[in-house]
Protein backbone atom coordinates (compact mmCIF):
# COMPACT_ATOMS: atom_id res chain seq x y z
CA UNK A 1 21.47 50.22 63.09
CA UNK A 2 18.18 49.60 64.83
CA UNK A 3 16.64 52.48 62.88
CA UNK A 4 17.84 51.00 59.61
CA UNK A 5 16.52 47.59 60.60
CA UNK A 6 13.08 49.01 61.35
CA UNK A 7 13.07 50.89 58.05
CA UNK A 8 14.05 47.68 56.21
CA UNK A 9 11.24 45.72 57.87
CA UNK A 10 8.79 48.52 57.03
CA UNK A 11 9.77 48.46 53.36
CA UNK A 12 9.54 44.65 53.28
CA UNK A 13 6.06 44.67 54.73
CA UNK A 14 4.89 47.35 52.30
CA UNK A 15 6.35 45.62 49.21
CA UNK A 16 3.45 43.22 48.58
CA UNK A 17 0.95 46.05 48.91
CA UNK A 18 2.99 48.15 46.47
CA UNK A 19 2.99 45.31 43.93
CA UNK A 20 -0.78 44.94 44.24
CA UNK A 21 -1.25 48.67 43.69
CA UNK A 22 1.00 48.61 40.59
CA UNK A 23 -0.81 45.56 39.21
CA UNK A 24 -4.22 47.12 39.80
CA UNK A 25 -3.09 50.33 38.10
CA UNK A 26 -1.83 48.32 35.11
CA UNK A 27 -5.15 46.49 34.78
CA UNK A 28 -7.16 49.71 35.05
CA UNK A 29 -5.00 51.84 32.74
CA UNK A 30 -4.39 49.22 30.02
CA UNK A 31 -7.81 49.64 28.32
CA UNK A 32 -7.30 53.41 28.20
CA UNK A 33 -3.84 52.98 26.73
CA UNK A 34 -5.19 50.55 24.12
CA UNK A 35 -7.95 53.00 23.26
CA UNK A 36 -5.37 55.74 22.82
CA UNK A 37 -3.25 53.55 20.54
CA UNK A 38 -6.27 52.44 18.53
CA UNK A 39 -7.35 56.06 18.01
CA UNK A 40 -5.88 58.34 15.39
CA UNK A 41 -5.88 62.12 15.44
CA UNK A 42 -5.87 64.14 12.27
CA UNK A 43 -5.65 67.85 11.53
CA UNK A 44 -8.40 69.47 9.50
CA UNK A 45 -7.66 71.96 6.70
CA UNK A 46 -8.51 74.86 9.11
CA UNK A 47 -5.92 73.66 11.62
CA UNK A 48 -8.51 72.39 14.08
CA UNK A 49 -7.72 68.98 15.69
CA UNK A 50 -10.40 66.31 15.73
CA UNK A 51 -10.30 62.78 17.13
CA UNK A 52 -11.64 59.86 15.07
CA UNK A 53 -11.99 56.17 15.86
CA UNK A 54 -9.95 53.62 14.00
CA UNK A 55 -11.44 52.76 10.65
CA UNK A 56 -13.38 49.58 11.39
CA UNK A 57 -13.28 48.52 7.75
CA UNK A 58 -9.51 48.77 7.81
CA UNK A 59 -9.31 46.55 10.91
CA UNK A 60 -11.70 43.99 9.37
CA UNK A 61 -9.59 43.92 6.21
CA UNK A 62 -6.44 43.33 8.26
CA UNK A 63 -8.15 40.54 10.23
CA UNK A 64 -9.30 38.85 7.03
CA UNK A 65 -5.80 39.08 5.63
CA UNK A 66 -4.30 37.55 8.76
CA UNK A 67 -6.94 34.80 8.79
CA UNK A 68 -6.19 33.96 5.17
CA UNK A 69 -2.48 33.74 5.92
CA UNK A 70 -3.12 31.48 8.92
CA UNK A 71 -5.35 29.17 6.85
CA UNK A 72 -2.72 29.00 4.13
CA UNK A 73 -0.05 28.06 6.68
CA UNK A 74 -2.37 25.45 8.25
CA UNK A 75 -3.02 23.89 4.83
CA UNK A 76 0.69 23.74 4.08
CA UNK A 77 1.45 22.18 7.46
CA UNK A 78 -1.37 19.69 7.08
CA UNK A 79 -0.22 18.65 3.62
CA UNK A 80 3.39 18.16 4.70
CA UNK A 81 3.33 17.19 8.37
CA UNK A 82 0.18 15.13 9.00
CA UNK A 83 1.25 11.92 10.67
CA UNK A 84 0.20 8.40 9.76
CA UNK A 85 1.02 4.87 10.83
CA UNK A 86 1.89 6.40 14.19
CA UNK A 87 4.08 9.03 12.48
CA UNK A 88 6.58 6.37 11.46
CA UNK A 89 6.54 6.57 7.67
CA UNK A 90 8.19 9.80 6.64
CA UNK A 91 8.97 10.06 2.93
CA UNK A 92 12.18 12.04 2.40
CA UNK A 93 11.65 15.48 0.91
CA UNK A 94 14.18 17.70 -0.88
CA UNK A 95 16.01 19.92 1.59
CA UNK A 96 18.28 22.86 0.82
CA UNK A 97 20.41 21.86 3.81
CA UNK A 98 20.38 18.18 2.97
CA UNK A 99 18.79 17.12 6.22
CA UNK A 100 15.41 16.70 7.83
CA UNK A 101 12.30 14.82 6.77
CA UNK A 102 8.68 15.83 6.76
CA UNK A 103 5.90 13.44 7.70
CA UNK A 104 3.39 12.64 4.98
CA UNK A 105 0.01 11.09 5.69
CA UNK A 106 -0.10 7.59 4.22
CA UNK A 107 -3.11 5.83 5.71
CA UNK A 108 -4.78 8.17 8.16
CA UNK A 109 -8.59 7.89 8.05
CA UNK A 110 -8.95 11.50 9.18
CA UNK A 111 -6.32 12.96 6.88
CA UNK A 112 -7.50 15.58 4.41
CA UNK A 113 -4.21 15.85 2.56
CA UNK A 114 -4.24 14.97 -1.12
CA UNK A 115 -3.75 11.21 -1.70
CA UNK A 116 -1.92 12.03 -4.93
CA UNK A 117 0.47 14.32 -3.06
CA UNK A 118 0.99 11.67 -0.42
CA UNK A 119 1.81 9.05 -3.01
CA UNK A 120 4.05 11.35 -5.06
CA UNK A 121 6.12 12.10 -1.97
CA UNK A 122 6.57 8.39 -1.18
CA UNK A 123 8.72 7.23 -4.10
CA UNK A 124 11.61 6.55 -1.73
CA UNK A 125 9.52 5.16 1.15
CA UNK A 126 6.68 2.80 1.99
CA UNK A 127 3.30 3.40 0.37
CA UNK A 128 0.28 1.15 -0.06
CA UNK A 129 -3.33 2.10 -0.88
CA UNK A 130 -5.49 2.60 2.19
CA UNK A 131 -8.39 0.20 2.61
CA UNK A 132 -9.88 2.25 5.44
CA UNK A 133 -9.73 5.73 3.93
CA UNK A 134 -8.96 5.22 0.25
CA UNK A 135 -12.54 4.74 -0.88
CA UNK A 136 -13.37 3.22 -4.29
CA UNK A 137 -13.31 -0.58 -4.69
CA UNK A 138 -10.69 -1.18 -2.00
CA UNK A 139 -12.66 0.84 0.55
CA UNK A 140 -15.87 -0.96 -0.35
CA UNK A 141 -14.17 -4.34 0.10
CA UNK A 142 -12.96 -3.25 3.54
CA UNK A 143 -16.46 -2.17 4.57
CA UNK A 144 -18.02 -5.41 3.34
CA UNK A 145 -15.41 -7.53 5.12
CA UNK A 146 -15.80 -5.72 8.44
CA UNK A 147 -19.50 -5.55 9.38
CA UNK A 148 -20.64 -3.93 12.64
CA UNK A 149 -22.00 -7.22 14.04
CA UNK A 150 -20.19 -10.46 13.23
CA UNK A 151 -22.59 -12.57 15.30
CA UNK A 152 -25.75 -11.44 13.53
CA UNK A 153 -27.67 -14.20 11.76
CA UNK A 154 -27.80 -11.93 8.72
CA UNK A 155 -23.99 -11.88 8.54
CA UNK A 156 -23.06 -14.70 6.16
CA UNK A 157 -19.69 -16.43 5.77
CA UNK A 158 -17.40 -18.16 3.29
CA UNK A 159 -14.64 -20.03 5.12
CA UNK A 160 -11.37 -20.55 3.22
CA UNK A 161 -9.96 -23.93 4.26
CA UNK A 162 -6.31 -24.96 4.02
CA UNK A 163 -5.12 -28.04 2.15
CA UNK A 164 -5.11 -31.24 4.26
CA UNK A 165 -1.29 -31.16 4.62
CA UNK A 166 -0.94 -27.42 4.96
CA UNK A 167 2.66 -27.61 6.18
CA UNK A 168 3.65 -29.04 2.77
CA UNK A 169 1.80 -26.45 0.69
CA UNK A 170 4.49 -25.17 -1.69
CA UNK A 171 2.58 -22.18 -3.13
CA UNK A 172 4.45 -18.89 -3.19
CA UNK A 173 3.28 -15.45 -2.06
CA UNK A 174 1.34 -14.45 -5.16
CA UNK A 175 -0.11 -17.93 -5.74
CA UNK A 176 -1.56 -17.68 -2.23
CA UNK A 177 -2.69 -14.12 -2.93
CA UNK A 178 -4.54 -15.11 -6.10
CA UNK A 179 -6.26 -17.92 -4.23
CA UNK A 180 -7.23 -15.51 -1.45
CA UNK A 181 -8.42 -12.74 -3.77
CA UNK A 182 -10.41 -15.26 -5.86
CA UNK A 183 -12.10 -16.64 -2.77
CA UNK A 184 -12.80 -13.03 -1.74
CA UNK A 185 -14.58 -12.32 -5.02
CA UNK A 186 -16.50 -15.58 -4.59
CA UNK A 187 -17.64 -14.41 -1.17
CA UNK A 188 -18.57 -10.91 -2.33
CA UNK A 189 -20.65 -12.22 -5.24
CA UNK A 190 -21.75 -15.43 -3.45
CA UNK A 191 -20.61 -17.38 -6.46
CA UNK A 192 -22.20 -15.02 -9.02
CA UNK A 193 -25.61 -15.25 -7.34
CA UNK A 194 -26.53 -12.37 -4.99
CA UNK A 195 -30.06 -13.55 -4.27
CA UNK A 196 -29.27 -13.57 -0.55
CA UNK A 197 -26.45 -11.01 -0.56
CA UNK A 198 -22.69 -11.14 -0.10
CA UNK A 199 -20.65 -13.28 2.26
CA UNK A 200 -17.63 -12.43 4.40
CA UNK A 201 -14.41 -14.30 3.71
CA UNK A 202 -12.59 -15.70 6.75
CA UNK A 203 -9.73 -18.21 6.79
CA UNK A 204 -8.88 -21.07 9.11
CA UNK A 205 -5.96 -21.02 11.53
CA UNK A 206 -3.89 -23.86 10.09
CA UNK A 207 -0.13 -23.56 9.73
CA UNK A 208 1.00 -21.32 6.88
CA UNK A 209 4.32 -22.73 5.60
CA UNK A 210 5.94 -19.32 5.12
CA UNK A 211 5.02 -18.37 8.72
CA UNK A 212 6.90 -21.19 10.43
CA UNK A 213 8.83 -19.81 13.37
CA UNK A 214 6.96 -16.49 13.28
CA UNK A 215 8.09 -14.14 16.06
CA UNK A 216 5.53 -11.44 15.34
CA UNK A 217 2.28 -13.40 15.59
CA UNK A 218 0.68 -16.78 14.87
CA UNK A 219 2.16 -19.21 12.37
CA UNK A 220 -0.60 -18.34 9.91
CA UNK A 221 -1.18 -15.77 7.22
CA UNK A 222 -1.70 -13.21 10.03
CA UNK A 223 2.01 -13.38 10.87
CA UNK A 224 2.57 -11.03 7.92
CA UNK A 225 -0.76 -9.57 6.83
CA UNK A 226 -3.75 -7.89 8.39
CA UNK A 227 -6.73 -10.24 8.97
CA UNK A 228 -9.16 -10.60 6.10
CA UNK A 229 -11.94 -9.58 8.48
CA UNK A 230 -12.57 -8.55 12.06
CA UNK A 231 -14.90 -11.56 12.11
CA UNK A 232 -13.45 -15.05 12.62
CA UNK A 233 -14.38 -18.72 12.19
CA UNK A 234 -15.89 -18.56 15.67
CA UNK A 235 -18.63 -16.32 14.26
CA UNK A 236 -19.47 -18.80 11.47
CA UNK A 237 -21.62 -21.91 11.78
CA UNK A 238 -19.90 -25.20 12.51
CA UNK A 239 -18.92 -27.16 9.43
CA UNK A 240 -21.50 -29.94 9.75
CA UNK A 241 -24.30 -27.91 11.32
CA UNK A 242 -27.72 -27.47 9.75
CA UNK A 243 -26.91 -23.94 8.58
CA UNK A 244 -23.62 -24.75 6.82
CA UNK A 245 -22.34 -26.71 3.84
CA UNK A 246 -18.96 -27.71 2.41
CA UNK A 247 -18.03 -27.55 -1.28
CA UNK A 248 -16.81 -30.86 -2.67
CA UNK A 249 -15.48 -29.18 -5.83
CA UNK A 250 -14.93 -25.54 -6.72
CA UNK A 251 -17.63 -25.52 -9.42
CA UNK A 252 -20.28 -27.23 -7.31
CA UNK A 253 -23.52 -25.37 -6.75
CA UNK A 254 -24.84 -24.95 -3.20
CA UNK A 255 -27.84 -23.73 -1.23
CA UNK A 256 -27.28 -19.99 -0.92
CA UNK A 257 -29.84 -19.65 1.86
CA UNK A 258 -27.36 -21.32 4.24
CA UNK A 259 -25.48 -18.86 6.45
CA UNK A 260 -22.04 -20.48 6.19
CA UNK A 261 -20.20 -21.97 3.21
CA UNK A 262 -16.89 -23.82 3.49
CA UNK A 263 -14.46 -24.03 0.58
CA UNK A 264 -12.93 -27.22 -0.73
CA UNK A 265 -9.48 -28.17 0.52
CA UNK A 266 -8.23 -28.31 -3.02
CA UNK A 267 -5.65 -26.04 -4.62
CA UNK A 268 -8.11 -24.36 -6.97
CA UNK A 269 -10.98 -21.92 -6.57
CA UNK A 270 -14.05 -20.71 -8.40
CA UNK A 271 -13.49 -18.07 -11.10
CA UNK A 272 -16.01 -15.26 -10.61
CA UNK A 273 -17.62 -14.05 -13.82
CA UNK A 274 -19.68 -11.13 -12.45
CA UNK A 275 -16.95 -9.41 -10.50
CA UNK A 276 -18.75 -6.06 -10.20
CA UNK A 277 -22.22 -7.38 -9.36
CA UNK A 278 -21.80 -6.93 -5.59
CA UNK A 279 -20.91 -3.22 -5.97
CA UNK A 280 -24.43 -2.43 -7.24
CA UNK A 281 -22.89 -0.15 -9.86
CA UNK A 282 -25.06 0.22 -12.97
CA UNK A 283 -24.19 -1.93 -15.96
CA UNK A 284 -22.42 -5.29 -16.18
CA UNK A 285 -18.77 -6.32 -16.10
CA UNK A 286 -18.56 -5.34 -19.77
CA UNK A 287 -19.08 -1.74 -18.66
CA UNK A 288 -16.19 -1.86 -16.19
CA UNK A 289 -12.55 -2.91 -16.22
CA UNK A 290 -11.98 -6.16 -14.34
CA UNK A 291 -8.30 -5.41 -13.78
CA UNK A 292 -9.26 -2.76 -11.22
CA UNK A 293 -11.33 -5.27 -9.26
CA UNK A 294 -8.53 -7.86 -9.37
CA UNK A 295 -5.92 -5.32 -8.26
CA UNK A 296 -8.19 -4.08 -5.45
CA UNK A 297 -8.72 -7.62 -4.15
CA UNK A 298 -4.95 -8.24 -4.25
CA UNK A 299 -4.24 -4.93 -2.53
CA UNK A 300 -6.67 -5.88 0.23
CA UNK A 301 -5.00 -9.26 0.66
CA UNK A 302 -1.46 -7.80 0.75
CA UNK A 303 -2.00 -5.30 3.61
CA UNK A 304 1.11 -5.87 5.75
CA UNK A 305 1.28 -5.87 9.53
CA UNK A 306 3.04 -2.85 11.14
CA UNK A 307 6.30 -4.72 11.74
CA UNK A 308 6.40 -5.80 8.09
CA UNK A 309 5.64 -2.25 6.93
CA UNK A 310 8.67 -1.15 8.96
CA UNK A 311 10.86 -3.70 7.20
CA UNK A 312 9.61 -2.85 3.72
CA UNK A 313 9.97 0.88 4.38
CA UNK A 314 13.57 0.45 5.56
CA UNK A 315 14.49 -1.64 2.53
CA UNK A 316 12.83 0.74 0.06
CA UNK A 317 14.75 3.67 1.54
CA UNK A 318 18.00 1.72 1.16
CA UNK A 319 17.22 0.73 -2.42
CA UNK A 320 15.36 3.49 -4.29
CA UNK A 321 17.39 6.63 -5.14
CA UNK A 322 15.70 9.84 -4.04
CA UNK A 323 15.88 11.22 -7.59
CA UNK A 324 14.32 8.18 -9.29
CA UNK A 325 11.70 9.13 -11.88
CA UNK A 326 9.12 6.33 -12.34
CA UNK A 327 8.23 7.69 -15.79
CA UNK A 328 11.76 6.84 -16.94
CA UNK A 329 12.14 3.45 -15.28
CA UNK A 330 11.96 -0.16 -16.51
CA UNK A 331 11.09 -2.99 -14.14
CA UNK A 332 12.60 -6.43 -14.76
CA UNK A 333 11.28 -8.97 -12.22
CA UNK A 334 13.06 -12.15 -13.31
CA UNK A 335 11.29 -15.34 -12.19
CA UNK A 336 13.30 -18.54 -12.61
CA UNK A 337 14.68 -21.21 -10.21
CA UNK A 338 11.80 -23.58 -9.31
CA UNK A 339 9.56 -22.02 -11.97
CA UNK A 340 11.65 -23.64 -14.69
CA UNK A 341 11.00 -27.13 -15.94
CA UNK A 342 13.62 -29.68 -14.95
CA UNK A 343 14.81 -27.97 -11.75
CA UNK A 344 16.11 -30.08 -8.88
CA UNK A 345 15.21 -27.86 -5.91
CA UNK A 346 14.02 -30.09 -3.08
CA UNK A 347 10.68 -29.12 -1.53
CA UNK A 348 9.71 -26.68 -4.27
CA UNK A 349 6.77 -26.85 -6.63
CA UNK A 350 7.25 -28.63 -9.93
CA UNK A 351 8.52 -26.49 -12.76
CA UNK A 352 5.93 -25.05 -15.15
CA UNK A 353 7.88 -23.03 -17.69
CA UNK A 354 10.52 -23.56 -20.32
CA UNK A 355 12.29 -20.51 -18.92
CA UNK A 356 13.39 -18.00 -21.57
CA UNK A 357 17.08 -17.19 -21.80
CA UNK A 358 18.17 -14.14 -19.80
CA UNK A 359 19.12 -12.47 -23.08
CA UNK A 360 15.41 -12.09 -23.89
CA UNK A 361 14.93 -9.89 -20.83
CA UNK A 362 17.72 -7.68 -22.09
CA UNK A 363 16.11 -7.54 -25.53
CA UNK A 364 12.92 -6.38 -23.87
CA UNK A 365 14.74 -3.52 -22.14
CA UNK A 366 16.34 -2.55 -25.45
CA UNK A 367 12.92 -2.45 -27.10
CA UNK A 368 11.71 -0.03 -24.46
CA UNK A 369 14.82 2.16 -24.75
CA UNK A 370 14.27 2.32 -28.47
CA UNK A 371 10.62 3.22 -27.84
CA UNK A 372 11.47 5.81 -25.17
CA UNK A 373 15.05 7.19 -25.26
CA UNK A 374 14.37 9.12 -22.02
CA UNK A 375 14.59 5.90 -19.97
CA UNK A 376 17.19 6.25 -17.21
CA UNK A 377 16.72 3.39 -14.72
CA UNK A 378 16.22 -0.37 -14.64
CA UNK A 379 14.91 -2.03 -11.47
CA UNK A 380 16.17 -5.62 -11.42
CA UNK A 381 15.03 -8.28 -8.95
CA UNK A 382 15.00 -12.06 -8.87
CA UNK A 383 14.76 -14.86 -6.34
CA UNK A 384 17.47 -16.53 -8.46
CA UNK A 385 20.85 -14.89 -7.76
CA UNK A 386 22.65 -16.49 -10.69
CA UNK A 387 19.99 -15.24 -13.14
CA UNK A 388 20.16 -11.76 -11.65
CA UNK A 389 23.95 -11.65 -11.84
CA UNK A 390 23.89 -12.83 -15.45
CA UNK A 391 21.47 -10.08 -16.41
CA UNK A 392 23.54 -7.42 -14.62
CA UNK A 393 26.65 -8.42 -16.55
CA UNK A 394 24.72 -8.05 -19.82
CA UNK A 395 23.51 -4.63 -18.73
CA UNK A 396 27.05 -3.47 -18.03
CA UNK A 397 28.21 -4.53 -21.46
CA UNK A 398 25.28 -3.47 -23.66
CA UNK A 399 23.40 -0.74 -21.75
CA UNK A 400 26.07 0.82 -19.51
CA UNK A 401 24.46 4.27 -19.39
CA UNK A 402 21.33 3.05 -17.61
CA UNK A 403 21.29 3.15 -13.83
CA UNK A 404 20.53 -0.22 -12.26
CA UNK A 405 18.41 -0.26 -9.08
CA UNK A 406 18.58 -3.39 -6.92
CA UNK A 407 16.76 -4.62 -3.84
CA UNK A 408 19.53 -3.93 -1.33
CA UNK A 409 19.83 -6.87 1.05
CA UNK A 410 17.66 -9.15 -1.11
CA UNK A 411 17.81 -12.69 0.28
CA UNK A 412 17.49 -14.30 -3.18
CA UNK A 413 16.55 -17.62 -1.64
CA UNK A 414 16.57 -19.48 -4.96
CA UNK A 415 12.91 -20.53 -4.93
CA UNK A 416 9.46 -19.04 -5.01
CA UNK A 417 7.89 -21.97 -3.19
CA UNK A 418 6.75 -21.43 0.35
CA UNK A 419 7.13 -24.73 2.18
CA UNK A 420 10.87 -24.67 2.96
CA UNK A 421 12.02 -21.09 2.53
CA UNK A 422 14.21 -21.25 5.62
CA UNK A 423 16.24 -24.17 4.27
CA UNK A 424 17.56 -22.58 1.08
CA UNK A 425 19.70 -19.72 2.44
CA UNK A 426 21.85 -20.33 5.49
CA UNK A 427 20.84 -18.20 8.45
CA UNK A 428 17.82 -16.71 6.71
CA UNK A 429 14.46 -16.86 8.46
CA UNK A 430 11.11 -17.03 6.69
CA UNK A 431 10.25 -13.50 7.81
CA UNK A 432 13.38 -12.13 6.15
CA UNK A 433 12.56 -13.92 2.89
CA UNK A 434 8.96 -12.66 2.84
CA UNK A 435 9.99 -9.08 3.66
CA UNK A 436 12.62 -9.23 0.93
CA UNK A 437 10.20 -10.58 -1.68
CA UNK A 438 7.49 -8.03 -0.88
CA UNK A 439 10.06 -5.25 -1.06
CA UNK A 440 10.82 -6.35 -4.63
CA UNK A 441 7.13 -5.99 -5.47
CA UNK A 442 7.05 -2.52 -3.93
CA UNK A 443 10.18 -1.47 -5.83
CA UNK A 444 8.59 -2.41 -9.14
CA UNK A 445 5.59 -0.19 -8.43
CA UNK A 446 8.07 2.62 -9.13
CA UNK A 447 8.47 1.59 -12.80
CA UNK A 448 6.58 2.39 -15.98
CA UNK A 449 7.84 -0.29 -18.36
CA UNK A 450 7.98 -4.01 -17.57
CA UNK A 451 9.62 -7.09 -19.04
CA UNK A 452 7.87 -10.13 -17.57
CA UNK A 453 6.66 -13.64 -18.28
CA UNK A 454 2.91 -13.90 -17.81
CA UNK A 455 3.17 -17.60 -16.97
CA UNK A 456 4.34 -16.52 -13.54
CA UNK A 457 1.72 -15.16 -11.14
CA UNK A 458 4.56 -13.27 -9.43
CA UNK A 459 5.56 -11.17 -12.44
CA UNK A 460 2.05 -10.80 -13.85
CA UNK A 461 0.83 -9.65 -10.41
CA UNK A 462 3.54 -6.99 -10.36
CA UNK A 463 2.47 -5.65 -13.75
CA UNK A 464 -1.20 -5.60 -12.73
CA UNK A 465 -0.55 -3.87 -9.40
CA UNK A 466 1.67 -1.31 -11.15
CA UNK A 467 -1.12 -0.64 -13.62
CA UNK A 468 -3.60 0.30 -10.89
CA UNK A 469 -1.44 1.35 -7.93
CA UNK A 470 1.92 2.18 -9.50
CA UNK A 471 3.67 5.55 -9.46
CA UNK A 472 3.90 6.05 -13.24
CA UNK A 473 1.17 7.72 -15.29
CA UNK A 474 0.74 4.65 -17.50
CA UNK A 475 2.22 1.16 -17.82
CA UNK A 476 3.66 -0.82 -20.74
CA UNK A 477 4.44 -4.55 -20.57
CA UNK A 478 6.52 -6.80 -22.77
CA UNK A 479 5.64 -10.43 -22.14
CA UNK A 480 8.27 -13.06 -22.91
CA UNK A 481 7.63 -16.78 -22.64
CA UNK A 482 9.00 -20.02 -24.02
CA UNK A 483 12.07 -18.10 -25.17
CA UNK A 484 10.15 -15.80 -27.51
CA UNK A 485 9.61 -12.04 -27.33
CA UNK A 486 5.85 -12.11 -27.76
CA UNK A 487 4.11 -8.76 -27.63
CA UNK A 488 4.04 -5.20 -26.43
CA UNK A 489 1.03 -4.65 -24.22
CA UNK A 490 -0.24 -1.18 -23.44
CA UNK A 491 -2.08 -1.40 -20.15
CA UNK A 492 -4.03 1.82 -19.83
CA UNK A 493 -7.69 2.80 -20.04
CA UNK A 494 -10.41 0.25 -20.76
CA UNK A 495 -9.92 -3.21 -22.20
CA UNK A 496 -8.18 -2.13 -25.37
CA UNK A 497 -5.04 -4.22 -24.91
CA UNK A 498 -3.97 -6.70 -27.60
CA UNK A 499 -5.22 -10.24 -27.18
CA UNK A 500 -2.97 -12.27 -24.90
CA UNK A 501 -1.71 -9.43 -22.67
CA UNK A 502 -1.36 -10.38 -18.97
CA UNK A 503 -4.92 -9.46 -18.01
CA UNK A 504 -7.89 -11.73 -17.39
CA UNK A 505 -8.54 -15.14 -15.92
CA UNK A 506 -6.41 -17.12 -18.41
CA UNK A 507 -3.23 -15.50 -17.15
CA UNK A 508 -4.06 -14.07 -13.75
CA UNK A 509 -5.58 -17.27 -12.44
CA UNK A 510 -2.85 -19.56 -13.73
CA UNK A 511 -1.26 -22.00 -11.33
CA UNK A 512 2.18 -21.57 -9.86
CA UNK A 513 4.11 -18.73 -8.33
């Protein structure tokens, strides 16, 4: 036993040395083995053996082939799996097994994936044009609004002031947006006079009625939307300082040498005539299409905060079928309730429209179906539940083969006014109403044909945004008002639309919601 024990200890002590020897032999012999493998031996015609090195050209060709395959795989992965918005917005893709989503880049500044591919894969999920990486007019607005040095004396400001009783301001989402985008164009063009350059639009921090009770931020516009600028009122000159002035009326002229300009506290705003002047593009506004500038300004205004993007994304996924084809879809955003003359909704804006009968919306859809028999879907939304229900019953009876797409979970608060949203639907908070309304706008971007009334900034905004940022290849609009089916407007290309279509200051800058 003692002999065995000594032998065991001897083997144990030699084991590490044996492992080192084996490892050293492996390291030394491996290059020779590789050389042997990489060498081929051929027989000559006389039977003599000769050794030749591996054909270097052959190896280079194989390497190039492998490199090409790797690059192709990287491109595919990048196009389908690049993350954005912290990898949270993942448009559903077709899957043979019926499960699993790929991540598509939506708003990543460093993404090299095709924006068109990104958008096409987002029909059933959140998508909005990127101000930071999208380029074009929207990207230029973003750059102008976010200078490197907000405190520089050369950085000039236009401060958007709230109405004196801001808590009673009854404007709806798109009425606010048109005010904001109009002030933005005023700032960019400095009121159609660029002698001293553009200004940066900032807004005050007064209460925003629709943000009352905000849990995600201040009770201002920034509860829901990204700030208009990284600069703030603190960077501008004080209202009554020597380097600032306040407009008494929207059309008043002012000293453009002053660094800071304050808006009036009135409802209205200056209408910019030279919308493209600040871009320094050659030509005048007659050489460009103003609808693209208007849509870009609205898109910049409507950039939602991350929490609101989450809400809109969730609601879109619950509402839009994965097989929806925007080319074969009609959008019917019905605007009624407080928009109609003679309403008795407390706290809402006064009515502005002799609202057309719901039957006229149905007639508009029929006109489109007659025009394009390939139509399959109708997206129907309204803040007025009774109007929506009435239209749906008509659809069941007269167009039963068309698939109806609704905003699932729509609050339908019964008003478009913003001062008392929380009081119209029991248990519904302002945030829920705003998320629901914006979801309706996003849903309609998935349509090609629209039945609207251009006397509403809500429905005309939808048709304009669909024209520039929608998912269909082109957009057609039927405008109904005062109970009459007015015209078919083809909104594509330059300004070739029939007179009276919902484009231009007469319609887009109308009052109301």
